[in-house]
Amino acid sequence: MRYDVAVVGAGIAGPIIARNLARAGYDVLMIDKKAEIGSPKRCGEGINIGIFEKYDIPYDRRFINREIYGAKLYSPSGYELELRYKEVSGVIIERKVFDKMLAFYAARAGADVWPRTEATGLIRKGGRIAGIRAKHEGEPVEIEADIIVAADGVESMVARWAGINTYAPPHEFDSAYEYEMLIEGYDPDLIHLWFGNEVAPRGYVWVFPKDEDRANVGIGINSDNPQTAKYYLDKWLRENGIPARKLLEINVGAVPVGGFVKELVKDNVLVVGDAARQVNPMHGGGMAEAMEAATIASRWMIKALEEEDMSLLKNYTREWWEKDGKRLEKVLKVRRVTEKLTDEDLDLFIQILSGADAEKIAGGNYGEVIKALLKHPKVLLSPRRIKLLKELL
């Protein structure tokens, strides 16, 4: 069988590309090794409200658990910083339903979608990649395609088979562990984040409400930590008197938080999403990043197919690095600076910002926030803190 485009992976980036290319009139096949698209999830399930309009995704109540109005941050010693908006700023989705609906939108646009289909290798003809080999419900199948998309997640095999270097050292990954559970006592209109080197080394604990008394409660820490993410999450629950007895789901995964793939295209193979390490290094969120990369890739795939010139695909690498890659490298720099902060630093900064300057954070003006911190006497008396903050400007 033959298609214009074969997409491997039906997470976030894969369905966006499949939908966009099918809308443009091309024959598209999207495969996924899971029998049920979207399950199991590896996600805290929080996303900014702006993605729906920006990436033409219906605001469908079938996959929206709760609308969120901001965030509350907690320092190691318990100081709090609340950022509350008047309008909805984000939503907690049901990722298993969301992914399936993205695949549905791709199918409705004209793409073929095959779950329980695992890529097993690439087809090469005349020295070029001509398609993928797969097992569809246990039966071998060969799928020829002009363009192949590696959207098969953080452990991507398709990219490696194509010769795309996706290696990143262990320090550029976080380990995440999450319970979906019954929990009470936290404002369900906000997401809640706890920071501290003893709480979550290099990361944070989160409570993302899905109901008044149900939430995703998870943690991300550096993957090269001698202790596990589960150890730190269970420790946090015990220390806060939260019984972990009413668990609805347990999710575990590795999150790439650095080591962005330099060359996103090899001949007629593109790598997108987690497979390309296109994840925000600061908070570990990858859904919006995958959507942006998929949108850029789609544009150049359509152009390459229109002009029958696969060399145009390399413009995806160039445009992504110009638009998103440089921004994410700056975020990575911020993350590396924040790794040097002590618990005393975190306590002080949240104390300082819990006043009027909270509005600047809510507005996203981080440069002004850093300048405000630099004016505080306890910062000015510490050359180390001044140096760290100036690295962020």
Protein backbone atom coordinates (compact mmCIF):
# COMPACT_ATOMS: atom_id res chain seq x y z
CA MET A 1 0.00 0.00 0.00
CA ARG A 2 1.11 3.53 -0.66
CA TYR A 3 0.51 6.93 0.96
CA ASP A 4 1.85 10.42 0.52
CA VAL A 5 2.60 10.63 4.25
CA ALA A 6 3.03 7.99 6.96
CA VAL A 7 2.89 9.25 10.54
CA VAL A 8 4.19 7.00 13.32
CA GLY A 9 2.66 7.98 16.68
CA ALA A 10 -0.77 9.32 17.60
CA GLY A 11 0.08 11.48 20.61
CA ILE A 12 -0.17 15.23 20.02
CA ALA A 13 2.15 16.07 17.11
CA GLY A 14 1.16 13.07 14.97
CA PRO A 15 -2.58 13.79 14.76
CA ILE A 16 -2.02 17.51 14.13
CA ILE A 17 0.22 16.69 11.16
CA ALA A 18 -2.13 13.95 9.90
CA ARG A 19 -5.10 16.34 10.07
CA ASN A 20 -3.26 19.21 8.37
CA LEU A 21 -1.94 17.08 5.51
CA ALA A 22 -5.27 15.33 4.98
CA ARG A 23 -7.02 18.70 4.87
CA ALA A 24 -4.56 19.73 2.17
CA GLY A 25 -5.73 16.80 0.07
CA TYR A 26 -2.94 14.28 0.64
CA ASP A 27 -3.23 10.57 1.40
CA VAL A 28 -2.15 10.11 5.00
CA LEU A 29 -1.80 7.09 7.25
CA MET A 30 -1.22 7.48 11.00
CA ILE A 31 -0.29 4.41 13.03
CA ASP A 32 0.10 3.89 16.77
CA LYS A 33 1.30 0.83 18.63
CA LYS A 34 -1.32 1.22 21.37
CA ALA A 35 -4.61 -0.61 21.02
CA GLU A 36 -6.37 2.44 22.48
CA ILE A 37 -5.06 5.81 21.35
CA GLY A 38 -4.27 8.03 24.32
CA SER A 39 -3.90 5.25 26.87
CA PRO A 40 -1.87 5.05 28.99
CA LYS A 41 -1.22 8.74 29.47
CA ARG A 42 2.07 10.30 30.55
CA CYS A 43 0.94 13.80 31.39
CA GLY A 44 -0.17 16.19 34.10
CA GLU A 45 -2.94 17.20 31.67
CA GLY A 46 -2.73 20.97 32.12
CA ILE A 47 -2.62 23.25 29.07
CA ASN A 48 -2.98 26.94 28.24
CA ILE A 49 -6.39 28.10 27.04
CA GLY A 50 -4.89 29.73 23.95
CA ILE A 51 -3.98 26.47 22.20
CA PHE A 52 -7.53 25.76 21.05
CA GLU A 53 -7.87 28.79 18.82
CA LYS A 54 -4.21 28.89 17.80
CA TYR A 55 -4.12 25.31 16.54
CA ASP A 56 -7.76 25.03 15.42
CA ILE A 57 -8.82 22.48 18.04
CA PRO A 58 -12.48 22.42 19.14
CA TYR A 59 -13.12 23.47 22.75
CA ASP A 60 -14.87 20.19 23.42
CA ARG A 61 -16.29 19.51 26.88
CA ARG A 62 -15.81 15.80 26.30
CA PHE A 63 -12.12 16.15 27.11
CA ILE A 64 -12.11 19.20 29.39
CA ASN A 65 -12.24 18.30 33.09
CA ARG A 66 -11.87 21.73 34.63
CA GLU A 67 -11.18 25.34 33.74
CA ILE A 68 -8.31 26.93 35.68
CA TYR A 69 -7.88 30.57 36.70
CA GLY A 70 -4.22 30.65 37.69
CA ALA A 71 -1.63 29.07 39.93
CA LYS A 72 -0.45 28.98 43.52
CA LEU A 73 3.25 28.50 44.25
CA TYR A 74 4.64 27.23 47.55
CA SER A 75 8.21 27.73 48.76
CA PRO A 76 10.14 25.12 50.79
CA SER A 77 9.20 26.81 54.09
CA GLY A 78 5.57 27.31 53.09
CA TYR A 79 5.53 30.86 51.77
CA GLU A 80 2.84 31.26 49.12
CA LEU A 81 2.51 33.19 45.88
CA GLU A 82 -0.94 33.25 44.28
CA LEU A 83 -1.41 34.23 40.65
CA ARG A 84 -5.14 34.47 39.95
CA TYR A 85 -6.62 35.70 36.68
CA LYS A 86 -10.12 37.10 36.11
CA GLU A 87 -10.55 34.95 33.02
CA VAL A 88 -9.88 31.26 32.39
CA SER A 89 -6.14 30.85 31.77
CA GLY A 90 -5.94 27.11 31.21
CA VAL A 91 -7.73 23.79 31.43
CA ILE A 92 -7.10 20.35 32.86
CA ILE A 93 -7.96 17.94 30.08
CA GLU A 94 -8.67 14.22 30.04
CA ARG A 95 -5.63 13.28 27.98
CA LYS A 96 -6.87 9.85 26.98
CA VAL A 97 -9.99 11.39 25.46
CA PHE A 98 -8.09 14.39 24.05
CA ASP A 99 -5.58 12.25 22.13
CA LYS A 100 -8.36 10.06 20.77
CA MET A 101 -10.31 13.13 19.64
CA LEU A 102 -7.22 14.56 17.90
CA ALA A 103 -6.97 11.25 16.02
CA PHE A 104 -10.69 11.53 15.25
CA TYR A 105 -10.21 15.02 13.82
CA ALA A 106 -7.42 13.64 11.63
CA ALA A 107 -9.64 10.77 10.48
CA ARG A 108 -12.55 13.10 9.80
CA ALA A 109 -10.21 15.25 7.67
CA GLY A 110 -9.47 12.18 5.55
CA ALA A 111 -6.48 10.44 7.19
CA ASP A 112 -6.44 6.69 7.75
CA VAL A 113 -5.77 5.82 11.41
CA TRP A 114 -4.54 2.41 12.57
CA PRO A 115 -4.10 1.64 16.27
CA ARG A 116 -2.36 -1.55 17.40
CA THR A 117 0.16 -1.04 14.62
CA GLU A 118 3.84 -0.99 15.55
CA ALA A 119 6.59 0.22 13.24
CA THR A 120 9.34 -2.41 12.99
CA GLY A 121 11.72 -0.81 10.50
CA LEU A 122 12.16 1.31 7.41
CA ILE A 123 11.87 0.32 3.76
CA ARG A 124 14.85 1.40 1.66
CA LYS A 125 14.91 1.40 -2.12
CA GLY A 126 17.66 2.67 -4.36
CA GLY A 127 19.57 4.10 -1.42
CA ARG A 128 16.62 6.13 -0.08
CA ILE A 129 13.96 5.62 2.57
CA ALA A 130 10.75 4.59 0.81
CA GLY A 131 8.41 3.67 3.65
CA ILE A 132 7.96 1.78 6.90
CA ARG A 133 7.57 -1.83 7.89
CA ALA A 134 5.03 -2.51 10.59
CA LYS A 135 2.93 -5.11 12.33
CA HIS A 136 -0.78 -4.33 12.08
CA GLU A 137 -2.68 -6.41 14.66
CA GLY A 138 0.18 -8.89 14.57
CA GLU A 139 0.37 -9.17 10.79
CA PRO A 140 3.38 -7.77 8.87
CA VAL A 141 2.64 -4.92 6.48
CA GLU A 142 4.71 -2.65 4.26
CA ILE A 143 3.67 0.98 3.85
CA GLU A 144 5.36 3.05 1.17
CA ALA A 145 5.29 6.82 1.64
CA ASP A 146 6.92 9.95 0.22
CA ILE A 147 7.32 11.44 3.71
CA ILE A 148 7.61 9.67 7.06
CA VAL A 149 6.98 11.42 10.39
CA ALA A 150 8.64 10.16 13.57
CA ALA A 151 6.14 11.22 16.23
CA ASP A 152 6.68 8.10 18.29
CA GLY A 153 7.59 9.67 21.61
CA VAL A 154 10.63 10.02 23.80
CA GLU A 155 11.90 6.51 22.95
CA SER A 156 11.53 7.14 19.18
CA MET A 157 12.90 4.29 17.08
CA VAL A 158 11.88 5.70 13.70
CA ALA A 159 14.21 8.69 14.08
CA ARG A 160 17.12 6.42 14.99
CA TRP A 161 16.46 4.07 12.08
CA ALA A 162 16.56 7.10 9.79
CA GLY A 163 19.91 8.23 11.20
CA ILE A 164 18.63 11.25 13.13
CA ASN A 165 20.68 11.84 16.28
CA THR A 166 18.21 12.05 19.17
CA TYR A 167 20.69 11.26 21.95
CA ALA A 168 20.52 13.32 25.13
CA PRO A 169 22.46 12.60 28.36
CA PRO A 170 20.52 11.31 31.40
CA HIS A 171 20.73 14.72 33.11
CA GLU A 172 18.53 16.17 30.35
CA PHE A 173 15.60 13.99 31.41
CA ASP A 174 13.25 14.21 34.34
CA SER A 175 11.54 11.26 35.99
CA ALA A 176 7.84 11.81 36.60
CA TYR A 177 5.44 9.92 38.85
CA GLU A 178 1.78 10.80 39.22
CA TYR A 179 -1.34 9.62 41.01
CA GLU A 180 -4.83 10.51 39.91
CA MET A 181 -6.50 10.46 43.30
CA LEU A 182 -9.10 11.85 45.64
CA ILE A 183 -7.70 14.87 47.46
CA GLU A 184 -9.31 17.78 49.30
CA GLY A 185 -8.26 21.11 50.76
CA TYR A 186 -6.84 22.82 47.67
CA ASP A 187 -8.55 25.54 45.65
CA PRO A 188 -9.82 23.65 42.58
CA ASP A 189 -9.73 26.80 40.44
CA LEU A 190 -5.92 26.93 40.61
CA ILE A 191 -3.05 24.60 39.86
CA HIS A 192 -0.72 24.17 42.85
CA LEU A 193 3.07 23.86 42.66
CA TRP A 194 5.57 23.11 45.45
CA PHE A 195 9.29 23.78 45.10
CA GLY A 196 12.35 22.86 47.12
CA ASN A 197 15.51 20.80 46.90
CA GLU A 198 14.19 18.41 49.54
CA VAL A 199 10.68 18.47 48.07
CA ALA A 200 11.47 17.82 44.40
CA PRO A 201 15.11 18.13 43.30
CA ARG A 202 15.25 20.27 40.14
CA GLY A 203 11.50 19.93 39.73
CA TYR A 204 8.27 20.41 41.60
CA VAL A 205 5.24 18.68 43.05
CA TRP A 206 1.95 19.49 41.37
CA VAL A 207 -1.73 19.25 42.17
CA PHE A 208 -3.81 19.74 39.01
CA PRO A 209 -7.52 19.68 39.96
CA LYS A 210 -9.90 17.66 37.79
CA ASP A 211 -12.88 17.96 40.16
CA GLU A 212 -13.60 19.56 43.53
CA ASP A 213 -12.06 16.52 45.23
CA ARG A 214 -10.08 14.79 42.46
CA ALA A 215 -6.72 15.78 41.02
CA ASN A 216 -3.54 14.69 39.33
CA VAL A 217 -0.93 14.73 42.08
CA GLY A 218 2.53 14.25 40.68
CA ILE A 219 6.19 15.09 40.77
CA GLY A 220 9.11 15.56 38.40
CA ILE A 221 12.75 15.26 39.49
CA ASN A 222 16.10 14.91 37.74
CA SER A 223 16.34 11.38 36.36
CA ASP A 224 19.92 10.91 37.56
CA ASN A 225 18.84 11.37 41.18
CA PRO A 226 19.79 8.43 43.43
CA GLN A 227 16.20 8.36 44.74
CA THR A 228 13.11 7.71 42.62
CA ALA A 229 10.35 10.17 41.80
CA LYS A 230 7.92 7.87 43.63
CA TYR A 231 10.05 8.12 46.76
CA TYR A 232 9.81 11.92 46.78
CA LEU A 233 6.10 11.99 45.92
CA ASP A 234 5.18 9.52 48.66
CA LYS A 235 7.37 11.46 51.09
CA TRP A 236 5.57 14.72 50.22
CA LEU A 237 2.16 13.09 50.68
CA ARG A 238 3.15 11.69 54.09
CA GLU A 239 4.61 14.99 55.28
CA ASN A 240 1.42 16.80 54.28
CA GLY A 241 -0.88 14.24 55.89
CA ILE A 242 -2.44 13.20 52.58
CA PRO A 243 -3.40 9.50 52.51
CA ALA A 244 -2.64 7.81 49.18
CA ARG A 245 -5.40 5.25 49.56
CA LYS A 246 -7.97 6.40 47.01
CA LEU A 247 -5.96 6.13 43.82
CA LEU A 248 -7.67 6.05 40.44
CA GLU A 249 -4.63 5.84 38.21
CA ILE A 250 -0.83 5.71 38.39
CA ASN A 251 1.32 7.17 35.61
CA VAL A 252 5.09 6.97 35.21
CA GLY A 253 7.35 8.40 32.53
CA ALA A 254 10.56 10.07 31.42
CA VAL A 255 10.34 13.71 30.35
CA PRO A 256 12.98 15.26 28.06
CA VAL A 257 13.90 18.69 29.46
CA GLY A 258 16.89 19.51 27.29
CA GLY A 259 19.04 18.13 24.51
CA PHE A 260 16.87 19.42 21.66
CA VAL A 261 17.45 17.55 18.41
CA LYS A 262 19.63 19.70 16.14
CA GLU A 263 18.69 18.25 12.76
CA LEU A 264 14.98 17.53 12.62
CA VAL A 265 15.00 16.11 9.09
CA LYS A 266 16.95 13.31 7.42
CA ASP A 267 16.10 12.96 3.74
CA ASN A 268 12.30 12.43 3.81
CA VAL A 269 11.95 11.66 7.54
CA LEU A 270 10.93 14.33 10.08
CA VAL A 271 11.02 14.07 13.87
CA VAL A 272 8.53 15.99 16.03
CA GLY A 273 7.29 16.32 19.61
CA ASP A 274 8.84 14.37 22.46
CA ALA A 275 10.86 12.38 19.93
CA ALA A 276 12.63 15.65 19.03
CA ARG A 277 12.87 16.71 22.71
CA GLN A 278 10.51 19.61 21.92
CA VAL A 279 9.49 20.12 25.54
CA ASN A 280 9.64 23.18 27.78
CA PRO A 281 12.73 22.57 29.98
CA MET A 282 11.33 24.59 32.87
CA HIS A 283 7.97 22.96 33.54
CA GLY A 284 8.29 19.82 31.40
CA GLY A 285 5.13 20.52 29.38
CA GLY A 286 5.25 19.31 25.80
CA MET A 287 1.74 19.50 24.37
CA ALA A 288 1.86 23.10 23.13
CA GLU A 289 5.44 22.64 21.92
CA ALA A 290 4.40 19.55 19.94
CA MET A 291 1.50 21.44 18.37
CA GLU A 292 3.77 24.28 17.27
CA ALA A 293 6.38 21.92 15.81
CA ALA A 294 3.65 19.94 14.03
CA THR A 295 2.24 23.14 12.53
CA ILE A 296 5.63 24.23 11.21
CA ALA A 297 6.41 20.74 9.90
CA SER A 298 3.01 20.50 8.19
CA ARG A 299 3.61 23.70 6.29
CA TRP A 300 6.91 22.47 4.83
CA MET A 301 5.57 18.99 4.13
CA ILE A 302 2.75 20.47 2.05
CA LYS A 303 5.24 22.68 0.22
CA ALA A 304 7.57 19.73 -0.47
CA LEU A 305 4.72 17.59 -1.80
CA GLU A 306 3.35 20.43 -3.92
CA GLU A 307 6.70 21.07 -5.55
CA GLU A 308 7.83 17.42 -5.47
CA ASP A 309 11.03 18.53 -3.80
CA MET A 310 11.85 16.74 -0.54
CA SER A 311 14.85 19.02 0.06
CA LEU A 312 12.34 21.68 1.15
CA LEU A 313 11.68 19.64 4.30
CA LYS A 314 14.93 20.92 5.78
CA ASN A 315 13.21 24.29 6.16
CA TYR A 316 11.27 22.74 9.03
CA THR A 317 14.56 22.47 10.98
CA ARG A 318 15.50 26.06 10.12
CA GLU A 319 12.10 27.57 10.96
CA TRP A 320 11.61 25.61 14.18
CA TRP A 321 15.02 26.67 15.47
CA GLU A 322 14.37 30.30 14.53
CA LYS A 323 10.89 30.43 16.06
CA ASP A 324 10.85 27.95 18.93
CA GLY A 325 14.29 26.44 19.36
CA LYS A 326 16.03 29.66 20.34
CA ARG A 327 13.26 30.45 22.83
CA LEU A 328 13.48 27.01 24.40
CA GLU A 329 17.26 27.26 24.65
CA LYS A 330 16.75 30.47 26.67
CA VAL A 331 14.29 28.59 28.89
CA LEU A 332 16.87 25.83 29.28
CA LYS A 333 19.38 28.44 30.41
CA VAL A 334 16.87 29.63 33.02
CA ARG A 335 16.38 26.07 34.22
CA ARG A 336 20.10 25.57 34.63
CA VAL A 337 20.33 28.74 36.68
CA THR A 338 17.38 27.75 38.88
CA GLU A 339 19.10 24.43 39.60
CA LYS A 340 21.67 26.46 41.56
CA LEU A 341 19.04 28.07 43.84
CA THR A 342 19.01 27.02 47.48
CA ASP A 343 15.84 26.54 49.49
CA GLU A 344 16.63 29.84 51.22
CA ASP A 345 16.74 31.53 47.81
CA LEU A 346 13.36 30.07 46.88
CA ASP A 347 11.83 31.15 50.18
CA LEU A 348 13.13 34.69 49.77
CA PHE A 349 12.09 35.10 46.13
CA ILE A 350 8.54 33.90 46.75
CA GLN A 351 8.29 36.17 49.79
CA ILE A 352 9.42 39.16 47.75
CA LEU A 353 7.09 38.39 44.85
CA SER A 354 4.02 37.67 46.94
CA GLY A 355 3.33 41.41 47.02
CA ALA A 356 2.58 43.77 44.17
CA ASP A 357 5.10 42.16 41.84
CA ALA A 358 2.85 39.11 41.54
CA GLU A 359 0.96 41.02 38.85
CA LYS A 360 4.13 41.20 36.76
CA ILE A 361 4.51 37.43 36.90
CA ALA A 362 0.86 36.97 35.99
CA GLY A 363 1.44 39.21 32.99
CA GLY A 364 4.49 37.19 31.94
CA ASN A 365 6.92 40.10 32.31
CA TYR A 366 9.77 38.07 33.77
CA GLY A 367 12.42 40.68 33.02
CA GLU A 368 10.62 43.14 35.28
CA VAL A 369 10.24 40.45 37.94
CA ILE A 370 13.99 39.81 37.97
CA LYS A 371 14.67 43.55 38.14
CA ALA A 372 12.30 43.78 41.11
CA LEU A 373 14.16 40.97 42.88
CA LEU A 374 17.47 42.70 42.23
CA LYS A 375 16.24 45.79 44.12
CA HIS A 376 15.54 43.90 47.34
CA PRO A 377 18.09 44.46 50.15
CA LYS A 378 18.50 40.73 50.89
CA VAL A 379 19.37 40.16 47.26
CA LEU A 380 21.68 43.17 47.02
CA LEU A 381 23.64 41.90 50.04
CA SER A 382 24.32 38.58 48.32
CA PRO A 383 26.80 38.65 45.39
CA ARG A 384 25.85 35.05 44.59
CA ARG A 385 22.15 35.89 44.22
CA ILE A 386 22.93 38.98 42.14
CA LYS A 387 25.10 36.89 39.82
CA LEU A 388 22.43 34.20 39.40
CA LEU A 389 19.64 36.67 38.68
CA LYS A 390 21.73 38.65 36.20
CA GLU A 391 22.34 35.41 34.29
CA LEU A 392 18.59 35.35 33.62
CA LEU A 393 18.40 38.82 32.09
